[in-house]
Amino acid sequence: MKPSSQQRLQELEKRFLELEDKLSDTPEKEAISILHAMLQETLRTEPVGSQHNGRSQQLGVTLEDIANLYKQAPAMEGEAENKGLAVGAKAPDFSLLDTNGNRVHLSDFLGKNVVLVFYPLDWSPACSDQLSLYQSELSEFERANTQLLAISVDSLYSHGAWAAVRGLTFPLLSDFHPKGEVARLYGVMRESDGFSERALYLIDTEGTIRYKHISPKLNHIPDIYELFDQLKQLEAGTAEAQVK
């Protein structure tokens, strides 16, 4: 059963309290704490579910409104600045935190295909559409023995809030500190902007890069059917190798 908005917010609150003390005192932590306080004040003043004509009576904001804020955000623009790693190269291992504060290593998924999804920033228009698309097709990735791992320079707090309102269930990994370290490792960090290219890497069960795509423009979402074709080819090749 899909969790309710209230249940998702309660889970997010629990994660926040568990992770708050793990971040050092920085302007970013202060900003996140202010956002948390704003959310708590919203819930105190007008609990989720108490609405009039589909909107909060006092603040005029619903969870759906928050989820759709990306539609009003400025579009990301810019040509690709990086070419990334070569197909056939060994995918560098890395270690990043997910929204639960758990450390995730690429090597944890040996024996499965992995799609690394580098994206610029949470809450931005194309990123919201792209990751929501992958969420809607999650069963296709699972059928292809494939794990999705999405990576951006956002904090794990931002990831947690964004995942909650967008309904994202695959791991969002925080390349926050040192900022962009993994994006640099994969040759997709945009130094001029402070975030990564929009890029995909398909890594096979043994940790080798079999496909990559770097969007020529930041707001271009990669063709998901091309990605599925690559997965089918990879799975077909694996099956043929097993027969031999």
C-alpha atoms as a PDB file:
ATOM      1  CA  MET A   1       0.000   0.000   0.000  1.00  0.00           C
ATOM      2  CA  LYS A   2       1.349   3.425  -0.926  1.00  0.00           C
ATOM      3  CA  PRO A   3       2.122   5.497   2.193  1.00  0.00           C
ATOM      4  CA  SER A   4       0.007   8.583   2.811  1.00  0.00           C
ATOM      5  CA  SER A   5       1.390  12.116   2.712  1.00  0.00           C
ATOM      6  CA  GLN A   6       1.251  12.242   6.506  1.00  0.00           C
ATOM      7  CA  GLN A   7       3.183   8.970   6.811  1.00  0.00           C
ATOM      8  CA  ARG A   8       5.855  10.197   4.377  1.00  0.00           C
ATOM      9  CA  LEU A   9       6.259  13.409   6.366  1.00  0.00           C
ATOM     10  CA  GLN A  10       6.526  11.488   9.639  1.00  0.00           C
ATOM     11  CA  GLU A  11       9.213   9.245   8.152  1.00  0.00           C
ATOM     12  CA  LEU A  12      11.076  12.293   6.861  1.00  0.00           C
ATOM     13  CA  GLU A  13      10.921  13.908  10.320  1.00  0.00           C
ATOM     14  CA  LYS A  14      12.371  10.740  11.856  1.00  0.00           C
ATOM     15  CA  ARG A  15      15.237  10.738   9.338  1.00  0.00           C
ATOM     16  CA  PHE A  16      15.951  14.402   9.977  1.00  0.00           C
ATOM     17  CA  LEU A  17      16.252  13.915  13.739  1.00  0.00           C
ATOM     18  CA  GLU A  18      18.555  10.918  13.250  1.00  0.00           C
ATOM     19  CA  LEU A  19      20.854  12.747  10.845  1.00  0.00           C
ATOM     20  CA  GLU A  20      20.895  16.331  12.132  1.00  0.00           C
ATOM     21  CA  ASP A  21      23.818  15.865  14.514  1.00  0.00           C
ATOM     22  CA  LYS A  22      25.957  14.214  11.833  1.00  0.00           C
ATOM     23  CA  LEU A  23      26.411  17.452   9.885  1.00  0.00           C
ATOM     24  CA  SER A  24      28.950  20.039  10.965  1.00  0.00           C
ATOM     25  CA  ASP A  25      27.800  23.611  11.543  1.00  0.00           C
ATOM     26  CA  THR A  26      27.738  25.268   8.125  1.00  0.00           C
ATOM     27  CA  PRO A  27      25.486  27.786   6.356  1.00  0.00           C
ATOM     28  CA  GLU A  28      23.987  24.851   4.460  1.00  0.00           C
ATOM     29  CA  LYS A  29      23.002  23.111   7.717  1.00  0.00           C
ATOM     30  CA  GLU A  30      21.485  26.345   9.010  1.00  0.00           C
ATOM     31  CA  ALA A  31      19.442  26.751   5.819  1.00  0.00           C
ATOM     32  CA  ILE A  32      18.204  23.169   6.051  1.00  0.00           C
ATOM     33  CA  SER A  33      17.306  23.643   9.714  1.00  0.00           C
ATOM     34  CA  ILE A  34      15.310  26.769   8.815  1.00  0.00           C
ATOM     35  CA  LEU A  35      13.454  24.796   6.129  1.00  0.00           C
ATOM     36  CA  HIS A  36      12.724  22.088   8.686  1.00  0.00           C
ATOM     37  CA  ALA A  37      11.382  24.662  11.144  1.00  0.00           C
ATOM     38  CA  MET A  38       9.171  26.149   8.415  1.00  0.00           C
ATOM     39  CA  LEU A  39       7.740  22.715   7.678  1.00  0.00           C
ATOM     40  CA  GLN A  40       7.084  22.065  11.365  1.00  0.00           C
ATOM     41  CA  GLU A  41       5.331  25.413  11.707  1.00  0.00           C
ATOM     42  CA  THR A  42       3.189  24.571   8.682  1.00  0.00           C
ATOM     43  CA  LEU A  43       2.187  21.231  10.199  1.00  0.00           C
ATOM     44  CA  ARG A  44       1.493  22.829  13.584  1.00  0.00           C
ATOM     45  CA  THR A  45      -0.675  25.566  12.100  1.00  0.00           C
ATOM     46  CA  GLU A  46      -2.521  23.435   9.557  1.00  0.00           C
ATOM     47  CA  PRO A  47      -2.033  19.641   9.707  1.00  0.00           C
ATOM     48  CA  VAL A  48      -1.751  17.808   6.401  1.00  0.00           C
ATOM     49  CA  GLY A  49      -5.210  16.696   5.331  1.00  0.00           C
ATOM     50  CA  SER A  50      -6.995  19.737   6.802  1.00  0.00           C
ATOM     51  CA  GLN A  51      -7.793  21.500   3.572  1.00  0.00           C
ATOM     52  CA  HIS A  52     -10.420  23.700   2.055  1.00  0.00           C
ATOM     53  CA  ASN A  53     -11.091  23.229  -1.652  1.00  0.00           C
ATOM     54  CA  GLY A  54      -7.913  21.154  -1.864  1.00  0.00           C
ATOM     55  CA  ARG A  55      -5.689  23.800  -0.236  1.00  0.00           C
ATOM     56  CA  SER A  56      -4.604  24.684   3.288  1.00  0.00           C
ATOM     57  CA  GLN A  57      -7.029  27.201   4.779  1.00  0.00           C
ATOM     58  CA  GLN A  58      -4.414  29.403   6.469  1.00  0.00           C
ATOM     59  CA  LEU A  59      -1.195  29.038   4.453  1.00  0.00           C
ATOM     60  CA  GLY A  60      -2.581  28.055   1.054  1.00  0.00           C
ATOM     61  CA  VAL A  61       0.053  25.297   0.663  1.00  0.00           C
ATOM     62  CA  THR A  62      -0.395  21.549   0.255  1.00  0.00           C
ATOM     63  CA  LEU A  63       2.134  18.744  -0.162  1.00  0.00           C
ATOM     64  CA  GLU A  64       1.113  18.611  -3.816  1.00  0.00           C
ATOM     65  CA  ASP A  65       1.956  22.309  -4.122  1.00  0.00           C
ATOM     66  CA  ILE A  66       5.431  21.616  -2.760  1.00  0.00           C
ATOM     67  CA  ALA A  67       5.883  18.663  -5.101  1.00  0.00           C
ATOM     68  CA  ASN A  68       4.999  20.886  -8.059  1.00  0.00           C
ATOM     69  CA  LEU A  69       7.272  23.803  -7.145  1.00  0.00           C
ATOM     70  CA  TYR A  70       9.793  22.556  -9.710  1.00  0.00           C
ATOM     71  CA  LYS A  71       7.391  23.620 -12.479  1.00  0.00           C
ATOM     72  CA  GLN A  72       7.942  27.265 -11.501  1.00  0.00           C
ATOM     73  CA  ALA A  73      11.727  27.004 -11.069  1.00  0.00           C
ATOM     74  CA  PRO A  74      14.086  28.481 -13.675  1.00  0.00           C
ATOM     75  CA  ALA A  75      15.179  26.016 -16.336  1.00  0.00           C
ATOM     76  CA  MET A  76      18.782  24.863 -16.305  1.00  0.00           C
ATOM     77  CA  GLU A  77      20.725  25.830 -19.390  1.00  0.00           C
ATOM     78  CA  GLY A  78      24.219  25.255 -20.705  1.00  0.00           C
ATOM     79  CA  GLU A  79      26.259  23.100 -23.047  1.00  0.00           C
ATOM     80  CA  ALA A  80      28.021  19.984 -21.770  1.00  0.00           C
ATOM     81  CA  GLU A  81      31.532  20.733 -20.495  1.00  0.00           C
ATOM     82  CA  ASN A  82      32.811  17.188 -19.953  1.00  0.00           C
ATOM     83  CA  LYS A  83      33.176  13.972 -21.925  1.00  0.00           C
ATOM     84  CA  GLY A  84      33.247  11.556 -19.003  1.00  0.00           C
ATOM     85  CA  LEU A  85      34.911   8.149 -18.723  1.00  0.00           C
ATOM     86  CA  ALA A  86      35.316   5.821 -21.692  1.00  0.00           C
ATOM     87  CA  VAL A  87      33.056   2.856 -22.368  1.00  0.00           C
ATOM     88  CA  GLY A  88      35.028  -0.263 -21.497  1.00  0.00           C
ATOM     89  CA  ALA A  89      36.763   1.342 -18.531  1.00  0.00           C
ATOM     90  CA  LYS A  90      36.467  -0.077 -15.042  1.00  0.00           C
ATOM     91  CA  ALA A  91      33.914   1.938 -13.082  1.00  0.00           C
ATOM     92  CA  PRO A  92      35.646   3.587 -10.097  1.00  0.00           C
ATOM     93  CA  ASP A  93      34.299   2.455  -6.753  1.00  0.00           C
ATOM     94  CA  PHE A  94      32.946   5.117  -4.413  1.00  0.00           C
ATOM     95  CA  SER A  95      31.246   5.563  -1.056  1.00  0.00           C
ATOM     96  CA  LEU A  96      28.370   8.023  -0.513  1.00  0.00           C
ATOM     97  CA  LEU A  97      25.546   8.486   1.995  1.00  0.00           C
ATOM     98  CA  ASP A  98      21.923   7.838   1.086  1.00  0.00           C
ATOM     99  CA  THR A  99      18.897   9.639   2.545  1.00  0.00           C
ATOM    100  CA  ASN A 100      18.903   7.312   5.576  1.00  0.00           C
ATOM    101  CA  GLY A 101      22.509   8.132   6.397  1.00  0.00           C
ATOM    102  CA  ASN A 102      23.657   4.689   5.239  1.00  0.00           C
ATOM    103  CA  ARG A 103      26.956   4.452   3.379  1.00  0.00           C
ATOM    104  CA  VAL A 104      26.552   2.995  -0.106  1.00  0.00           C
ATOM    105  CA  HIS A 105      29.432   1.614  -2.185  1.00  0.00           C
ATOM    106  CA  LEU A 106      29.248   0.860  -5.897  1.00  0.00           C
ATOM    107  CA  SER A 107      30.932  -2.463  -5.121  1.00  0.00           C
ATOM    108  CA  ASP A 108      27.898  -3.406  -3.005  1.00  0.00           C
ATOM    109  CA  PHE A 109      26.101  -4.164  -6.282  1.00  0.00           C
ATOM    110  CA  LEU A 110      28.568  -6.502  -7.987  1.00  0.00           C
ATOM    111  CA  GLY A 111      26.469  -9.196  -9.647  1.00  0.00           C
ATOM    112  CA  LYS A 112      23.853  -6.641 -10.744  1.00  0.00           C
ATOM    113  CA  ASN A 113      23.845  -4.094 -13.522  1.00  0.00           C
ATOM    114  CA  VAL A 114      23.956  -0.529 -12.216  1.00  0.00           C
ATOM    115  CA  VAL A 115      22.719   2.680 -13.816  1.00  0.00           C
ATOM    116  CA  LEU A 116      24.478   5.687 -12.307  1.00  0.00           C
ATOM    117  CA  VAL A 117      22.312   8.761 -12.817  1.00  0.00           C
ATOM    118  CA  PHE A 118      24.301  11.961 -12.346  1.00  0.00           C
ATOM    119  CA  TYR A 119      21.965  14.952 -12.263  1.00  0.00           C
ATOM    120  CA  PRO A 120      22.543  18.655 -11.470  1.00  0.00           C
ATOM    121  CA  LEU A 121      20.270  19.487  -8.525  1.00  0.00           C
ATOM    122  CA  ASP A 122      17.197  18.411  -6.566  1.00  0.00           C
ATOM    123  CA  TRP A 123      14.018  20.457  -7.129  1.00  0.00           C
ATOM    124  CA  SER A 124      15.015  21.629 -10.622  1.00  0.00           C
ATOM    125  CA  PRO A 125      12.570  21.103 -13.518  1.00  0.00           C
ATOM    126  CA  ALA A 126      14.330  18.572 -15.746  1.00  0.00           C
ATOM    127  CA  CYS A 127      15.758  16.648 -12.771  1.00  0.00           C
ATOM    128  CA  SER A 128      12.295  16.264 -11.264  1.00  0.00           C
ATOM    129  CA  ASP A 129      10.857  15.008 -14.544  1.00  0.00           C
ATOM    130  CA  GLN A 130      13.798  12.683 -15.209  1.00  0.00           C
ATOM    131  CA  LEU A 131      13.828  10.927 -11.857  1.00  0.00           C
ATOM    132  CA  SER A 132      10.034  10.694 -11.718  1.00  0.00           C
ATOM    133  CA  LEU A 133      10.206   8.962 -15.116  1.00  0.00           C
ATOM    134  CA  TYR A 134      12.685   6.423 -13.757  1.00  0.00           C
ATOM    135  CA  GLN A 135      10.485   5.848 -10.715  1.00  0.00           C
ATOM    136  CA  SER A 136       7.505   5.101 -12.974  1.00  0.00           C
ATOM    137  CA  GLU A 137       9.605   2.534 -14.885  1.00  0.00           C
ATOM    138  CA  LEU A 138      11.308   1.006 -11.847  1.00  0.00           C
ATOM    139  CA  SER A 139       9.872  -2.435 -12.515  1.00  0.00           C
ATOM    140  CA  GLU A 140      11.567  -2.467 -15.937  1.00  0.00           C
ATOM    141  CA  PHE A 141      14.957  -1.849 -14.332  1.00  0.00           C
ATOM    142  CA  GLU A 142      14.296  -4.548 -11.743  1.00  0.00           C
ATOM    143  CA  ARG A 143      13.380  -7.058 -14.455  1.00  0.00           C
ATOM    144  CA  ALA A 144      16.732  -6.318 -16.109  1.00  0.00           C
ATOM    145  CA  ASN A 145      18.637  -7.075 -12.873  1.00  0.00           C
ATOM    146  CA  THR A 146      19.544  -3.394 -12.675  1.00  0.00           C
ATOM    147  CA  GLN A 147      20.014  -1.091  -9.696  1.00  0.00           C
ATOM    148  CA  LEU A 148      19.410   2.642 -10.114  1.00  0.00           C
ATOM    149  CA  LEU A 149      21.700   4.967  -8.148  1.00  0.00           C
ATOM    150  CA  ALA A 150      21.073   8.709  -8.511  1.00  0.00           C
ATOM    151  CA  ILE A 151      23.840  11.141  -7.530  1.00  0.00           C
ATOM    152  CA  SER A 152      23.959  14.913  -7.107  1.00  0.00           C
ATOM    153  CA  VAL A 153      25.882  17.423  -4.985  1.00  0.00           C
ATOM    154  CA  ASP A 154      22.810  18.108  -2.802  1.00  0.00           C
ATOM    155  CA  SER A 155      22.847  17.308   0.910  1.00  0.00           C
ATOM    156  CA  LEU A 156      21.169  14.158   2.190  1.00  0.00           C
ATOM    157  CA  TYR A 157      18.550  16.403   3.840  1.00  0.00           C
ATOM    158  CA  SER A 158      17.606  17.898   0.489  1.00  0.00           C
ATOM    159  CA  HIS A 159      17.534  14.393  -1.017  1.00  0.00           C
ATOM    160  CA  GLY A 160      15.264  13.179   1.782  1.00  0.00           C
ATOM    161  CA  ALA A 161      12.751  15.992   1.365  1.00  0.00           C
ATOM    162  CA  TRP A 162      12.787  15.721  -2.424  1.00  0.00           C
ATOM    163  CA  ALA A 163      12.369  11.940  -2.385  1.00  0.00           C
ATOM    164  CA  ALA A 164       9.436  12.279   0.018  1.00  0.00           C
ATOM    165  CA  VAL A 165       7.462  14.775  -2.046  1.00  0.00           C
ATOM    166  CA  ARG A 166       8.322  13.142  -5.401  1.00  0.00           C
ATOM    167  CA  GLY A 167       7.732   9.582  -4.165  1.00  0.00           C
ATOM    168  CA  LEU A 168      11.213   8.373  -5.173  1.00  0.00           C
ATOM    169  CA  THR A 169      12.168   5.002  -3.714  1.00  0.00           C
ATOM    170  CA  PHE A 170      15.532   4.229  -5.354  1.00  0.00           C
ATOM    171  CA  PRO A 171      18.693   5.529  -3.643  1.00  0.00           C
ATOM    172  CA  LEU A 172      19.597   9.217  -3.907  1.00  0.00           C
ATOM    173  CA  LEU A 173      23.267   9.586  -2.989  1.00  0.00           C
ATOM    174  CA  SER A 174      24.799  12.789  -1.664  1.00  0.00           C
ATOM    175  CA  ASP A 175      28.027  13.913  -3.372  1.00  0.00           C
ATOM    176  CA  PHE A 176      28.042  16.830  -0.925  1.00  0.00           C
ATOM    177  CA  HIS A 177      31.372  16.641   0.910  1.00  0.00           C
ATOM    178  CA  PRO A 178      33.913  16.826  -0.532  1.00  0.00           C
ATOM    179  CA  LYS A 179      31.571  18.503  -2.978  1.00  0.00           C
ATOM    180  CA  GLY A 180      31.446  16.755  -6.356  1.00  0.00           C
ATOM    181  CA  GLU A 181      34.195  14.249  -5.547  1.00  0.00           C
ATOM    182  CA  VAL A 182      32.431  11.332  -7.236  1.00  0.00           C
ATOM    183  CA  ALA A 183      31.283  13.476 -10.166  1.00  0.00           C
ATOM    184  CA  ARG A 184      34.955  14.383 -10.718  1.00  0.00           C
ATOM    185  CA  LEU A 185      35.910  10.719 -10.418  1.00  0.00           C
ATOM    186  CA  TYR A 186      33.547  10.007 -13.318  1.00  0.00           C
ATOM    187  CA  GLY A 187      34.592  13.079 -15.313  1.00  0.00           C
ATOM    188  CA  VAL A 188      31.220  14.850 -15.186  1.00  0.00           C
ATOM    189  CA  MET A 189      31.688  17.704 -12.673  1.00  0.00           C
ATOM    190  CA  ARG A 190      30.840  21.136 -14.083  1.00  0.00           C
ATOM    191  CA  GLU A 191      33.394  23.307 -12.288  1.00  0.00           C
ATOM    192  CA  SER A 192      31.813  26.474 -13.686  1.00  0.00           C
ATOM    193  CA  ASP A 193      28.484  25.688 -11.988  1.00  0.00           C
ATOM    194  CA  GLY A 194      29.401  23.613  -8.953  1.00  0.00           C
ATOM    195  CA  PHE A 195      27.242  20.650  -9.951  1.00  0.00           C
ATOM    196  CA  SER A 196      27.433  17.707 -12.344  1.00  0.00           C
ATOM    197  CA  GLU A 197      26.473  17.178 -15.930  1.00  0.00           C
ATOM    198  CA  ARG A 198      23.271  15.297 -16.620  1.00  0.00           C
ATOM    199  CA  ALA A 199      24.903  11.953 -17.321  1.00  0.00           C
ATOM    200  CA  LEU A 200      24.223   8.213 -17.315  1.00  0.00           C
ATOM    201  CA  TYR A 201      26.620   5.302 -16.905  1.00  0.00           C
ATOM    202  CA  LEU A 202      25.496   1.715 -17.395  1.00  0.00           C
ATOM    203  CA  ILE A 203      27.819  -0.617 -15.485  1.00  0.00           C
ATOM    204  CA  ASP A 204      27.689  -4.378 -15.943  1.00  0.00           C
ATOM    205  CA  THR A 205      27.651  -7.087 -13.276  1.00  0.00           C
ATOM    206  CA  GLU A 206      31.472  -7.140 -13.124  1.00  0.00           C
ATOM    207  CA  GLY A 207      31.887  -3.380 -12.736  1.00  0.00           C
ATOM    208  CA  THR A 208      32.738  -2.365 -16.315  1.00  0.00           C
ATOM    209  CA  ILE A 209      31.192   0.652 -18.033  1.00  0.00           C
ATOM    210  CA  ARG A 210      29.140  -0.578 -20.997  1.00  0.00           C
ATOM    211  CA  TYR A 211      27.297   2.609 -21.974  1.00  0.00           C
ATOM    212  CA  LYS A 212      27.404   6.293 -21.178  1.00  0.00           C
ATOM    213  CA  HIS A 213      25.352   9.315 -22.120  1.00  0.00           C
ATOM    214  CA  ILE A 214      26.157  12.930 -21.317  1.00  0.00           C
ATOM    215  CA  SER A 215      23.338  15.271 -22.272  1.00  0.00           C
ATOM    216  CA  PRO A 216      24.588  17.843 -24.797  1.00  0.00           C
ATOM    217  CA  LYS A 217      22.477  20.453 -22.977  1.00  0.00           C
ATOM    218  CA  LEU A 218      21.694  20.493 -19.267  1.00  0.00           C
ATOM    219  CA  ASN A 219      17.934  20.484 -19.762  1.00  0.00           C
ATOM    220  CA  HIS A 220      17.955  17.481 -22.129  1.00  0.00           C
ATOM    221  CA  ILE A 221      16.625  14.329 -20.467  1.00  0.00           C
ATOM    222  CA  PRO A 222      18.268  11.160 -21.852  1.00  0.00           C
ATOM    223  CA  ASP A 223      16.084   8.920 -24.002  1.00  0.00           C
ATOM    224  CA  ILE A 224      14.865   6.167 -21.681  1.00  0.00           C
ATOM    225  CA  TYR A 225      14.170   3.835 -24.615  1.00  0.00           C
ATOM    226  CA  GLU A 226      17.803   4.074 -25.693  1.00  0.00           C
ATOM    227  CA  LEU A 227      18.795   3.155 -22.139  1.00  0.00           C
ATOM    228  CA  PHE A 228      16.412   0.189 -22.140  1.00  0.00           C
ATOM    229  CA  ASP A 229      17.842  -0.947 -25.505  1.00  0.00           C
ATOM    230  CA  GLN A 230      21.322  -0.883 -23.995  1.00  0.00           C
ATOM    231  CA  LEU A 231      20.090  -2.914 -21.027  1.00  0.00           C
ATOM    232  CA  LYS A 232      18.529  -5.490 -23.334  1.00  0.00           C
ATOM    233  CA  GLN A 233      21.764  -5.805 -25.297  1.00  0.00           C
ATOM    234  CA  LEU A 234      23.724  -6.194 -22.079  1.00  0.00           C
ATOM    235  CA  GLU A 235      21.358  -8.842 -20.748  1.00  0.00           C
ATOM    236  CA  ALA A 236      21.384 -10.685 -24.086  1.00  0.00           C
ATOM    237  CA  GLY A 237      25.175 -10.705 -24.072  1.00  0.00           C
ATOM    238  CA  THR A 238      25.218 -12.024 -20.511  1.00  0.00           C
ATOM    239  CA  ALA A 239      22.784 -14.792 -21.373  1.00  0.00           C
ATOM    240  CA  GLU A 240      24.868 -15.765 -24.440  1.00  0.00           C
ATOM    241  CA  ALA A 241      28.024 -15.870 -22.350  1.00  0.00           C
ATOM    242  CA  GLN A 242      26.339 -18.138 -19.807  1.00  0.00           C
ATOM    243  CA  VAL A 243      25.259 -20.566 -22.564  1.00  0.00           C
ATOM    244  CA  LYS A 244      28.803 -20.760 -23.898  1.00  0.00           C
END
